[in-house]
Each structure stands twice: as structure tokens, then as C-alpha cells.
Amino acid sequence: MLAIPDPREPEYFLDSYPRDDFPRYQWSERPTTLPAAAWTTETTHRDGQQGGLPLTTDVSLRIYDLMCRFTGTSGAIRQAEFFAYRPADRAALEGALERWRGGAPIEPTTWIRATARDVALIRDLGVRETGMLASASDYHTFHKFTPGGRRQAAEVYLDAVRRTLEAGIRPRLHLEDATRAPYDFIAPCIAAVQAIAEPYGPDLRPKFRVCDTMGLGLPFPGIDLPRGIPRLFAALRGLGLRPEDLEFHPHNDTWLVVANCLAAVQAGCAVINGTLLGKGERTGNAPLEAVLMHLIGLGLLPESSPDHPGDRPEFTVLNDLVDLYADLGEPVPPKYPLYGRDAHRTRAGVHADGLNKFWWMYAPFDVPGLLGRPLEVSLTKESGVAGLIFLIRQHTDLAVTKDDPRVLALQAELLAEFDAGRQTSVEWEELAPRVFASYGVAAD
């Protein structure tokens, strides 16, 4: 006999996979470096636009409004940054500021280069905080400036920081290309910014955004600086920076964007910067819906942690954002996780059979309830009669079984089409007339 326990009831590990929530993290030893709370900030109106989103003022504000609906009172997204160079961008910023002053939950900020000229551009726009591009690696400092080098770059950045503080605006220094930057440039720059800001008090305490600009960071604890995300944030925390003083802004060039976000959070970074649905330059930014799903699982989202129950972000709202991006000609890829057209669609008969018998078998969580998206089956030659039954049950009240002769006849018709060379899948819209005709009922 096999020494395997055989309980009367199945073990679903509901502490990790609750029926009404996203999967939760269960620690044998919770890392002491985790922040008490974590949240996100948004850059669709800046990095998403750089990535190709065609943002008119009207579209920009529609996206901002959807962000606010998604966030609600959860604190999931705290800020959204805007360009301020072109009239349409400034109009979008002004519209967002008006909404925020009227009670919208996401604070608009600006993005500028850390130069005196750009600071002058935003002095009178009414923002409380601005991001400031401060290229940190020698790839940048030696080639963006004339004659070039670290000291010249630092002097330009620090002058811009002084001017920002004098204007009463909190500086958020964006350390561009930090995963290829020498730490002996980053650390003195941070110390100098803190010294300049200290007389201005806590309301203007500076923040620092760590940018993995080329997506080269690695999430493993043993990786050396500058590429190791855990070691980089541990070093920054060692400078006395609090979790809320730090943001992480990664890209997805080498497929590690979400893993690097979680590594940054575990190392003590409270804020992740990215975009909803991952829109951004090249391969895209951190997809905030994925990051927030994990922050909820970690119990770190302040207003919705297990210890502080409250509102959650409304993930179903992002279906409207999916539709908006499709209308703009920038659709979400079909197999994009969570929100792609095929993200919860199977074509395998064994999966369809599992969905028919116990749909949790092939669902990572309550997809219809939490995301507002259906579990779906498309019929191919591999779908079997189980796939056909799933679709009929999903879209009708008909009681169908595997031995129903009408089901078997429909399946035989479909297999004949595939055997004759059909390559495209069969969706419900095409199947429905055949089903209703076979069962002698009128379509809805």
C-alpha cells in the first residue's frame, strides 16, 4: 500500500487560494525588510505616451478618470505623472488637477528633466511634486553633457533640485539607468539632495525613483550592484531612506519586470511606478494591475490588507480601459495576462472537461468575480465533446450530457470540418444557430 493519506474531504489550501480573493502569500518566515504598506504610482500620460499611446487631452482625461474609478478609496494608485511640454499635455494636467482638487483620489504630478529651464516651466502649474530625470549611469553622464562626466551631471541636477524647492515643489529625483550606474555616484547625489532639502521641512522631503531603464535588473539576493535589485534597495535603505521615500520604475526588456517589482518591495521599497495594462516604451512598464494583485496577496495594500479591511481597487473597471485602448488602435495583446482576450480561454478538451466538473480546477482564482471576465472555451479538434458541452451550458439553460445524441451529432459535424482542413477555432457566435436548431429552440 502507498503511504499516502486519503482524506474524506479535499485539501484546497484555502489560506493561499481563498474563494473570494486573489491568492495570498503564506510565509514560513516573513522577511523583516518588507515595508508596512506598499502602493503604486502611474506613468501612462508620460511613459505610456512615449510608448505610442495617442493621447489627446480628452483621451488623457478619460484614462485618468478610469484610473480613479479603478483606485476608488483603496490607495492603490496614489499619483499619476504628466508631461508639461505641449499644450495638449498641459491641458490634460490642468483637467486632472481640477478633478483632484475636487476629490479625485490620484494626485497629478509632472515629469521634467532635472534642468533649470524645465523647473521654470512647471513653477506656476499648481503641482505639489515633480519627477526630475537625473541620468545616473556613465552611459548617460559621459555622453549627454559637454564635455561630460559625473560631476557636471550632478551639478546640473542639484541646481534643478534647489530651484524646485525654492518654488515650493517636492522633488522626486529619477535615477535613470540605475541598474548600470556606479553606486559611488548615486549615494553622494542622494546625500546632497537630502542636505539641500533639509531646511525646507518634511513637506518637501525629497523622493528617489530607481529606474531600471533597460530592464536589466535581476531579482536575486546574491547579485552584486548595480544589477541586483535586492542589494540596490538594501543599500539605499542603508542611507536612511524610508520605504515611502523610494520608488521603483522598471521596464520589461528581459521579461523580469514583475519579479523585479516584488524583489524591490521585499527589499523595502514601498512604491512601484508603472502603467495599468503595462503600456509603455519598448516592451512596456510594470503592469500595475499585476503588481497590485501581488500587493493584495502580500497584505501590503494599506486600505485593503487583512489587518485593515476596506475598499479594494475595482479590477473590473480595467475592462473599460481594455476597450479604450482597442479603440485607440493600441489593443491589449490577446494572450496578455489577466485582461487579454484569450487570457482565460482554453482550447484543450481536458481543461474543458475540468471546467465542467469543477471549474476551480482550471481557474487561478475567481476570474469572473474579481476581474469581470468569463472563463471561456474555443472549439478546435482538440476540444472534444467537453468543450462543446461547456459552451452550451455557459450560454444556454439546456441540460446537456456527453451521451446526448444531439451533442454527439454536433461534435461529429465539427470534427468533419477540422478533418477537412479547417484551422480556425469555432466560437459560440458561430455555434449558437446550430445548437438552437438542433434543440428546436429559438435564439435569445
Protein backbone atom coordinates (compact mmCIF):
# COMPACT_ATOMS: atom_id res chain seq x y z
CA MET A 1 0.00 0.00 0.00
CA LEU A 2 1.18 3.54 -0.77
CA ALA A 3 1.85 5.66 2.32
CA ILE A 4 -0.38 8.47 1.06
CA PRO A 5 -3.13 9.97 3.24
CA ASP A 6 -6.61 9.66 1.76
CA PRO A 7 -8.84 12.24 3.49
CA ARG A 8 -12.61 12.31 3.21
CA GLU A 9 -12.56 15.94 2.07
CA PRO A 10 -10.18 17.52 -0.48
CA GLU A 11 -7.49 19.95 0.60
CA TYR A 12 -7.79 23.19 -1.39
CA PHE A 13 -5.22 25.23 0.59
CA LEU A 14 -7.78 27.99 1.04
CA ASP A 15 -5.39 30.07 3.14
CA SER A 16 -3.35 30.52 -0.03
CA TYR A 17 -6.20 30.32 -2.54
CA PRO A 18 -9.29 31.91 -0.96
CA ARG A 19 -12.51 31.59 -2.91
CA ASP A 20 -13.27 35.32 -2.87
CA ASP A 21 -9.85 36.92 -3.25
CA PHE A 22 -6.57 36.84 -5.11
CA PRO A 23 -4.02 34.24 -3.98
CA ARG A 24 -2.32 35.11 -0.70
CA TYR A 25 1.26 34.71 0.38
CA GLN A 26 1.95 32.29 3.24
CA TRP A 27 5.40 32.72 4.79
CA SER A 28 7.35 30.24 6.87
CA GLU A 29 9.48 33.27 7.74
CA ARG A 30 8.19 36.70 6.73
CA PRO A 31 11.03 38.95 5.53
CA THR A 32 11.82 41.71 8.03
CA THR A 33 12.64 44.06 5.15
CA LEU A 34 9.06 44.17 3.84
CA PRO A 35 7.54 47.64 4.22
CA ALA A 36 4.49 48.00 6.43
CA ALA A 37 2.48 49.08 3.39
CA ALA A 38 3.05 49.49 -0.34
CA TRP A 39 1.23 51.14 -3.24
CA THR A 40 1.77 52.31 -6.82
CA THR A 41 2.10 55.42 -8.95
CA GLU A 42 1.17 55.76 -12.61
CA THR A 43 3.00 57.00 -15.72
CA THR A 44 0.61 56.33 -18.60
CA HIS A 45 0.45 60.02 -19.52
CA ARG A 46 4.24 60.12 -19.72
CA ASP A 47 5.82 56.73 -20.41
CA GLY A 48 2.67 55.27 -21.95
CA GLN A 49 2.54 58.19 -24.35
CA GLN A 50 6.24 57.70 -25.15
CA GLY A 51 5.34 54.08 -25.86
CA GLY A 52 2.91 55.07 -28.60
CA LEU A 53 -0.44 55.80 -26.97
CA PRO A 54 -2.08 58.60 -29.00
CA LEU A 55 -3.16 60.82 -26.12
CA THR A 56 -5.28 63.82 -26.90
CA THR A 57 -6.41 65.91 -23.94
CA ASP A 58 -9.80 64.21 -23.97
CA VAL A 59 -8.33 60.70 -24.09
CA SER A 60 -5.83 61.56 -21.36
CA LEU A 61 -8.60 62.64 -19.04
CA ARG A 62 -10.70 59.59 -19.87
CA ILE A 63 -7.75 57.41 -18.85
CA TYR A 64 -7.23 59.45 -15.68
CA ASP A 65 -10.92 59.05 -14.80
CA LEU A 66 -10.69 55.28 -15.31
CA MET A 67 -7.63 55.16 -13.06
CA CYS A 68 -9.60 56.96 -10.38
CA ARG A 69 -12.56 54.59 -10.75
CA PHE A 70 -10.19 51.64 -10.50
CA THR A 71 -8.47 53.04 -7.41
CA GLY A 72 -11.50 54.33 -5.54
CA THR A 73 -10.63 54.75 -1.86
CA SER A 74 -8.17 51.86 -1.82
CA GLY A 75 -4.98 53.91 -2.07
CA ALA A 76 -3.82 51.53 -4.81
CA ILE A 77 -2.59 54.30 -7.14
CA ARG A 78 -1.53 57.48 -5.34
CA GLN A 79 -0.11 59.66 -8.12
CA ALA A 80 -0.09 59.98 -11.92
CA GLU A 81 2.60 61.91 -13.74
CA PHE A 82 2.07 64.12 -16.78
CA PHE A 83 4.25 65.75 -19.39
CA ALA A 84 4.12 69.55 -19.33
CA TYR A 85 5.81 70.46 -22.61
CA ARG A 86 2.95 70.60 -25.13
CA PRO A 87 -0.40 72.42 -24.89
CA ALA A 88 -2.45 69.20 -25.00
CA ASP A 89 -0.41 67.72 -22.15
CA ARG A 90 -0.73 70.85 -20.02
CA ALA A 91 -4.48 70.91 -20.66
CA ALA A 92 -4.72 67.28 -19.52
CA LEU A 93 -2.69 68.11 -16.41
CA GLU A 94 -4.94 71.07 -15.63
CA GLY A 95 -8.03 68.90 -16.04
CA ALA A 96 -6.61 66.23 -13.76
CA LEU A 97 -5.60 68.81 -11.15
CA GLU A 98 -9.13 70.21 -11.17
CA ARG A 99 -10.54 66.73 -10.63
CA TRP A 100 -8.04 66.01 -7.85
CA ARG A 101 -8.84 69.24 -6.03
CA GLY A 102 -12.48 68.22 -6.31
CA GLY A 103 -11.78 64.93 -4.53
CA ALA A 104 -10.37 62.55 -7.15
CA PRO A 105 -8.06 60.04 -5.43
CA ILE A 106 -4.96 60.29 -7.66
CA GLU A 107 -2.66 63.29 -7.33
CA PRO A 108 -1.31 64.62 -10.64
CA THR A 109 2.43 65.35 -10.73
CA THR A 110 4.75 66.42 -13.52
CA TRP A 111 7.77 64.87 -15.22
CA ILE A 112 10.64 67.11 -16.26
CA ARG A 113 14.33 66.91 -16.90
CA ALA A 114 16.45 68.00 -13.94
CA THR A 115 17.40 71.31 -15.53
CA ALA A 116 16.81 74.94 -14.60
CA ARG A 117 14.82 75.54 -17.79
CA ASP A 118 12.39 72.70 -17.08
CA VAL A 119 11.89 73.79 -13.48
CA ALA A 120 10.86 77.22 -14.75
CA LEU A 121 8.30 75.51 -16.97
CA ILE A 122 6.36 73.99 -14.03
CA ARG A 123 6.75 76.66 -11.34
CA ASP A 124 3.23 78.01 -11.78
CA LEU A 125 1.28 74.91 -12.85
CA GLY A 126 -0.02 74.19 -9.36
CA VAL A 127 1.60 70.80 -8.75
CA ARG A 128 2.92 69.83 -5.34
CA GLU A 129 5.52 67.36 -6.64
CA THR A 130 7.54 66.80 -9.76
CA GLY A 131 9.63 63.98 -11.10
CA MET A 132 13.07 65.06 -12.35
CA LEU A 133 15.07 62.98 -14.81
CA ALA A 134 18.59 62.59 -13.45
CA SER A 135 20.57 60.14 -15.56
CA ALA A 136 22.83 58.16 -13.27
CA SER A 137 24.97 55.79 -15.31
CA ASP A 138 28.17 56.65 -17.13
CA TYR A 139 26.37 55.53 -20.30
CA HIS A 140 24.46 58.80 -19.86
CA THR A 141 26.55 61.21 -17.82
CA PHE A 142 29.57 60.92 -20.11
CA HIS A 143 27.57 61.28 -23.33
CA LYS A 144 24.65 63.61 -22.59
CA PHE A 145 26.75 66.52 -21.35
CA THR A 146 29.54 68.57 -22.84
CA PRO A 147 32.32 67.91 -22.03
CA GLY A 148 30.59 65.28 -19.93
CA GLY A 149 31.14 63.31 -16.75
CA ARG A 150 29.65 62.59 -13.37
CA ARG A 151 30.47 65.84 -11.58
CA GLN A 152 29.00 68.05 -14.29
CA ALA A 153 25.81 65.98 -14.36
CA ALA A 154 25.45 66.12 -10.58
CA GLU A 155 25.88 69.89 -10.52
CA VAL A 156 23.13 70.33 -13.11
CA TYR A 157 20.78 68.05 -11.17
CA LEU A 158 21.44 69.68 -7.80
CA ASP A 159 20.87 73.15 -9.22
CA ALA A 160 17.49 72.00 -10.52
CA VAL A 161 16.64 70.49 -7.14
CA ARG A 162 17.39 73.81 -5.42
CA ARG A 163 15.15 75.68 -7.84
CA THR A 164 12.35 73.16 -7.37
CA LEU A 165 12.49 73.51 -3.60
CA GLU A 166 12.55 77.29 -3.87
CA ALA A 167 9.34 77.04 -5.90
CA GLY A 168 7.73 75.09 -3.06
CA ILE A 169 7.56 71.84 -5.07
CA ARG A 170 8.70 68.48 -3.72
CA PRO A 171 11.50 66.99 -5.89
CA ARG A 172 11.36 63.33 -6.89
CA LEU A 173 14.73 62.54 -8.41
CA HIS A 174 14.55 59.86 -11.12
CA LEU A 175 17.84 57.97 -11.13
CA GLU A 176 17.79 56.88 -14.75
CA ASP A 177 19.62 53.68 -15.72
CA ALA A 178 20.33 52.92 -12.06
CA THR A 179 20.99 49.23 -12.80
CA ARG A 180 24.04 50.29 -14.85
CA ALA A 181 25.07 53.16 -12.58
CA PRO A 182 28.03 53.39 -10.17
CA TYR A 183 26.89 53.46 -6.57
CA ASP A 184 29.57 56.00 -5.75
CA PHE A 185 27.65 58.41 -7.96
CA ILE A 186 24.18 57.55 -6.68
CA ALA A 187 24.94 57.68 -2.95
CA PRO A 188 26.62 61.12 -2.90
CA CYS A 189 23.87 62.57 -5.11
CA ILE A 190 21.18 61.33 -2.73
CA ALA A 191 23.07 62.72 0.26
CA ALA A 192 23.48 66.10 -1.45
CA VAL A 193 19.78 66.27 -2.35
CA GLN A 194 18.83 65.45 1.23
CA ALA A 195 21.15 68.15 2.57
CA ILE A 196 19.73 70.76 0.20
CA ALA A 197 16.14 69.82 1.10
CA GLU A 198 16.58 69.53 4.86
CA PRO A 199 15.90 73.24 5.67
CA TYR A 200 12.60 73.08 3.75
CA GLY A 201 11.00 70.69 6.22
CA PRO A 202 9.10 67.41 5.93
CA ASP A 203 6.51 68.64 3.42
CA LEU A 204 9.24 68.93 0.78
CA ARG A 205 11.21 65.85 1.80
CA PRO A 206 12.63 64.50 -1.48
CA LYS A 207 11.81 61.15 -3.03
CA PHE A 208 14.01 58.97 -5.20
CA ARG A 209 12.85 56.86 -8.13
CA VAL A 210 15.17 54.00 -9.03
CA CYS A 211 14.84 53.34 -12.77
CA ASP A 212 15.70 50.00 -14.34
CA THR A 213 15.60 51.79 -17.67
CA MET A 214 16.70 48.92 -19.90
CA GLY A 215 15.06 46.15 -17.89
CA LEU A 216 18.41 44.66 -16.88
CA GLY A 217 17.81 44.33 -13.14
CA LEU A 218 17.83 40.88 -11.52
CA PRO A 219 15.58 39.88 -8.59
CA PHE A 220 18.00 37.53 -6.81
CA PRO A 221 19.53 38.47 -3.42
CA GLY A 222 23.08 37.42 -4.28
CA ILE A 223 23.53 39.60 -7.38
CA ASP A 224 26.05 42.42 -6.99
CA LEU A 225 25.47 46.11 -7.61
CA PRO A 226 24.41 47.69 -9.82
CA ARG A 227 22.27 44.94 -11.33
CA GLY A 228 20.96 43.25 -8.20
CA ILE A 229 17.60 44.79 -7.24
CA PRO A 230 17.54 43.46 -3.64
CA ARG A 231 21.09 44.65 -2.97
CA LEU A 232 20.46 48.04 -4.57
CA PHE A 233 17.42 48.79 -2.42
CA ALA A 234 19.13 47.42 0.69
CA ALA A 235 21.97 49.87 0.06
CA LEU A 236 19.54 52.77 -0.38
CA ARG A 237 17.69 51.86 2.80
CA GLY A 238 21.09 51.85 4.47
CA LEU A 239 21.42 55.54 3.59
CA GLY A 240 18.47 56.26 5.88
CA LEU A 241 15.80 56.40 3.17
CA ARG A 242 12.38 55.25 4.32
CA PRO A 243 10.30 52.82 2.22
CA GLU A 244 7.97 55.66 1.17
CA ASP A 245 10.97 57.76 0.02
CA LEU A 246 11.70 55.16 -2.66
CA GLU A 247 10.00 54.27 -5.94
CA PHE A 248 10.94 51.59 -8.44
CA HIS A 249 10.39 52.16 -12.15
CA PRO A 250 11.34 49.06 -14.20
CA HIS A 251 10.91 48.08 -17.83
CA ASN A 252 10.25 44.62 -19.23
CA ASP A 253 13.04 44.24 -21.80
CA THR A 254 14.27 40.95 -20.33
CA TRP A 255 10.91 39.62 -19.03
CA LEU A 256 11.60 40.23 -15.32
CA VAL A 257 9.53 43.32 -14.68
CA VAL A 258 7.05 41.90 -12.14
CA ALA A 259 9.66 39.72 -10.43
CA ASN A 260 11.89 42.77 -10.04
CA CYS A 261 8.99 44.79 -8.61
CA LEU A 262 8.38 42.14 -5.97
CA ALA A 263 12.09 41.94 -5.21
CA ALA A 264 12.17 45.70 -4.70
CA VAL A 265 9.18 45.56 -2.36
CA GLN A 266 10.68 42.70 -0.38
CA ALA A 267 13.89 44.72 -0.01
CA GLY A 268 11.99 47.66 1.48
CA CYS A 269 10.67 49.81 -1.38
CA ALA A 270 7.08 50.94 -0.73
CA VAL A 271 6.19 52.38 -4.14
CA ILE A 272 6.12 50.81 -7.61
CA ASN A 273 5.77 53.06 -10.65
CA GLY A 274 4.29 51.68 -13.85
CA THR A 275 1.19 51.70 -16.01
CA LEU A 276 -2.12 49.93 -15.99
CA LEU A 277 -2.01 47.13 -18.58
CA GLY A 278 1.74 47.65 -18.92
CA LYS A 279 1.63 50.27 -21.69
CA GLY A 280 5.00 51.95 -22.12
CA GLU A 281 8.14 52.41 -24.11
CA ARG A 282 9.57 49.39 -25.99
CA THR A 283 8.41 46.25 -24.13
CA GLY A 284 6.41 48.25 -21.62
CA ASN A 285 6.36 49.25 -17.98
CA ALA A 286 5.44 47.34 -14.86
CA PRO A 287 1.77 46.31 -15.25
CA LEU A 288 0.27 47.83 -12.12
CA GLU A 289 -2.75 45.52 -12.06
CA ALA A 290 -0.34 42.57 -11.67
CA VAL A 291 1.75 44.36 -9.03
CA LEU A 292 -1.38 45.28 -7.08
CA MET A 293 -2.69 41.72 -7.26
CA HIS A 294 0.52 40.64 -5.54
CA LEU A 295 0.47 43.51 -3.04
CA ILE A 296 -3.02 42.39 -2.03
CA GLY A 297 -1.72 38.83 -1.70
CA LEU A 298 1.10 40.13 0.48
CA GLY A 299 -1.34 42.09 2.64
CA LEU A 300 0.57 45.32 1.92
CA LEU A 301 -2.04 47.50 0.25
CA PRO A 302 -2.87 49.78 3.21
CA GLU A 303 -6.63 50.17 2.89
CA SER A 304 -7.22 46.54 1.97
CA SER A 305 -4.80 44.45 3.98
CA PRO A 306 -6.07 41.64 6.22
CA ASP A 307 -5.36 43.81 9.27
CA HIS A 308 -7.06 46.89 7.74
CA PRO A 309 -10.06 45.70 5.74
CA GLY A 310 -11.55 48.25 3.41
CA ASP A 311 -12.13 49.03 -0.19
CA ARG A 312 -10.19 47.22 -2.88
CA PRO A 313 -9.28 48.54 -6.29
CA GLU A 314 -12.10 47.70 -8.69
CA PHE A 315 -10.37 45.38 -11.14
CA THR A 316 -13.46 45.10 -13.33
CA VAL A 317 -13.00 48.76 -14.35
CA LEU A 318 -9.94 47.79 -16.37
CA ASN A 319 -12.17 46.08 -18.90
CA ASP A 320 -13.24 49.58 -19.93
CA LEU A 321 -9.58 50.54 -20.29
CA VAL A 322 -9.01 47.47 -22.47
CA ASP A 323 -11.85 48.66 -24.71
CA LEU A 324 -10.50 52.21 -24.81
CA TYR A 325 -7.05 51.05 -25.90
CA ALA A 326 -8.61 48.92 -28.62
CA ASP A 327 -10.50 51.97 -29.88
CA LEU A 328 -7.19 53.89 -29.96
CA GLY A 329 -5.56 51.25 -32.15
CA GLU A 330 -3.34 50.08 -29.26
CA PRO A 331 -5.12 46.88 -28.21
CA VAL A 332 -4.01 44.66 -25.36
CA PRO A 333 -2.37 41.52 -26.85
CA PRO A 334 -4.78 38.55 -26.94
CA LYS A 335 -2.68 36.47 -24.55
CA TYR A 336 -1.82 39.33 -22.18
CA PRO A 337 -2.21 38.02 -18.60
CA LEU A 338 -5.48 38.74 -16.77
CA TYR A 339 -7.03 41.04 -19.40
CA GLY A 340 -6.11 39.65 -22.81
CA ARG A 341 -8.92 38.26 -24.95
CA ASP A 342 -7.52 34.74 -24.57
CA ALA A 343 -6.15 35.04 -21.03
CA HIS A 344 -8.89 32.78 -19.61
CA ARG A 345 -9.71 30.81 -22.75
CA THR A 346 -8.85 27.15 -23.19
CA ARG A 347 -8.93 25.02 -26.32
CA ALA A 348 -7.94 21.78 -24.59
CA GLY A 349 -10.56 19.12 -24.06
CA VAL A 350 -9.08 18.01 -20.75
CA HIS A 351 -9.31 21.57 -19.45
CA ALA A 352 -12.87 21.98 -20.69
CA ASP A 353 -13.80 18.70 -19.00
CA GLY A 354 -12.29 20.00 -15.77
CA LEU A 355 -14.24 23.25 -16.04
CA ASN A 356 -17.44 21.26 -16.49
CA LYS A 357 -16.81 19.10 -13.44
CA PHE A 358 -15.30 21.68 -11.01
CA TRP A 359 -14.41 24.98 -12.61
CA TRP A 360 -11.89 25.91 -9.90
CA MET A 361 -9.74 23.12 -11.35
CA TYR A 362 -8.64 25.40 -14.20
CA ALA A 363 -9.14 28.85 -12.69
CA PRO A 364 -6.32 30.55 -10.73
CA PHE A 365 -8.91 32.50 -8.69
CA ASP A 366 -12.48 33.76 -9.08
CA VAL A 367 -11.83 35.30 -12.50
CA PRO A 368 -15.47 36.22 -13.24
CA GLY A 369 -15.99 37.72 -9.81
CA LEU A 370 -12.72 39.59 -9.38
CA LEU A 371 -11.95 40.63 -12.95
CA GLY A 372 -15.38 40.58 -14.54
CA ARG A 373 -14.10 38.30 -17.29
CA PRO A 374 -15.55 34.91 -18.21
CA LEU A 375 -13.80 31.57 -18.32
CA GLU A 376 -14.03 30.64 -21.98
CA VAL A 377 -13.61 27.72 -24.35
CA SER A 378 -12.92 27.88 -28.08
CA LEU A 379 -13.57 24.72 -30.04
CA THR A 380 -10.82 23.06 -32.03
CA LYS A 381 -10.15 19.47 -32.97
CA GLU A 382 -8.55 19.07 -29.52
CA SER A 383 -11.53 20.43 -27.55
CA GLY A 384 -13.54 17.24 -27.52
CA VAL A 385 -17.17 16.92 -26.61
CA ALA A 386 -16.37 18.50 -23.22
CA GLY A 387 -15.62 21.83 -24.87
CA LEU A 388 -18.91 21.71 -26.76
CA ILE A 389 -20.81 20.97 -23.56
CA PHE A 390 -19.09 23.82 -21.72
CA LEU A 391 -20.13 26.36 -24.34
CA ILE A 392 -23.73 25.13 -24.45
CA ARG A 393 -24.02 25.21 -20.66
CA GLN A 394 -22.34 28.62 -20.48
CA HIS A 395 -24.70 30.28 -22.95
CA THR A 396 -27.99 28.42 -22.54
CA ASP A 397 -30.20 26.72 -19.98
CA LEU A 398 -30.11 23.46 -21.91
CA ALA A 399 -29.35 20.34 -19.87
CA VAL A 400 -26.75 18.54 -21.95
CA THR A 401 -24.61 15.48 -21.25
CA LYS A 402 -21.82 13.63 -23.01
CA ASP A 403 -24.15 10.90 -24.25
CA ASP A 404 -26.77 13.30 -25.63
CA PRO A 405 -27.15 12.25 -29.30
CA ARG A 406 -27.64 15.86 -30.40
CA VAL A 407 -24.36 16.86 -28.74
CA LEU A 408 -22.58 13.92 -30.34
CA ALA A 409 -24.00 14.85 -33.75
CA LEU A 410 -22.81 18.44 -33.40
CA GLN A 411 -19.38 17.19 -32.35
CA ALA A 412 -19.21 14.92 -35.37
CA GLU A 413 -20.01 17.87 -37.65
CA LEU A 414 -17.25 19.95 -36.10
CA LEU A 415 -14.67 17.16 -36.34
CA ALA A 416 -15.55 16.67 -40.00
CA GLU A 417 -14.81 20.36 -40.64
CA PHE A 418 -11.45 20.14 -38.91
CA ASP A 419 -10.58 16.90 -40.70
CA ALA A 420 -11.40 18.70 -43.96
CA GLY A 421 -8.73 21.28 -43.17
CA ARG A 422 -10.35 23.96 -41.04
CA GLN A 423 -7.72 25.72 -38.90
CA THR A 424 -9.73 28.45 -37.16
CA SER A 425 -11.49 27.76 -33.88
CA VAL A 426 -15.26 27.74 -33.52
CA GLU A 427 -16.70 30.37 -31.19
CA TRP A 428 -20.16 30.49 -29.66
CA GLU A 429 -21.42 33.09 -32.12
CA GLU A 430 -20.92 30.61 -34.95
CA LEU A 431 -22.05 27.60 -32.97
CA ALA A 432 -25.24 29.08 -31.49
CA PRO A 433 -27.51 28.74 -34.58
CA ARG A 434 -26.59 25.08 -34.93
CA VAL A 435 -27.26 24.40 -31.25
CA PHE A 436 -30.64 26.13 -31.24
CA ALA A 437 -31.65 24.42 -34.47
CA SER A 438 -30.60 21.03 -33.13
CA TYR A 439 -32.62 21.50 -29.95
CA GLY A 440 -35.55 23.18 -31.67
CA VAL A 441 -35.47 26.33 -29.56
CA ALA A 442 -35.40 29.99 -30.55
CA ALA A 443 -32.26 32.03 -30.06
CA ASP A 444 -32.32 34.83 -27.49
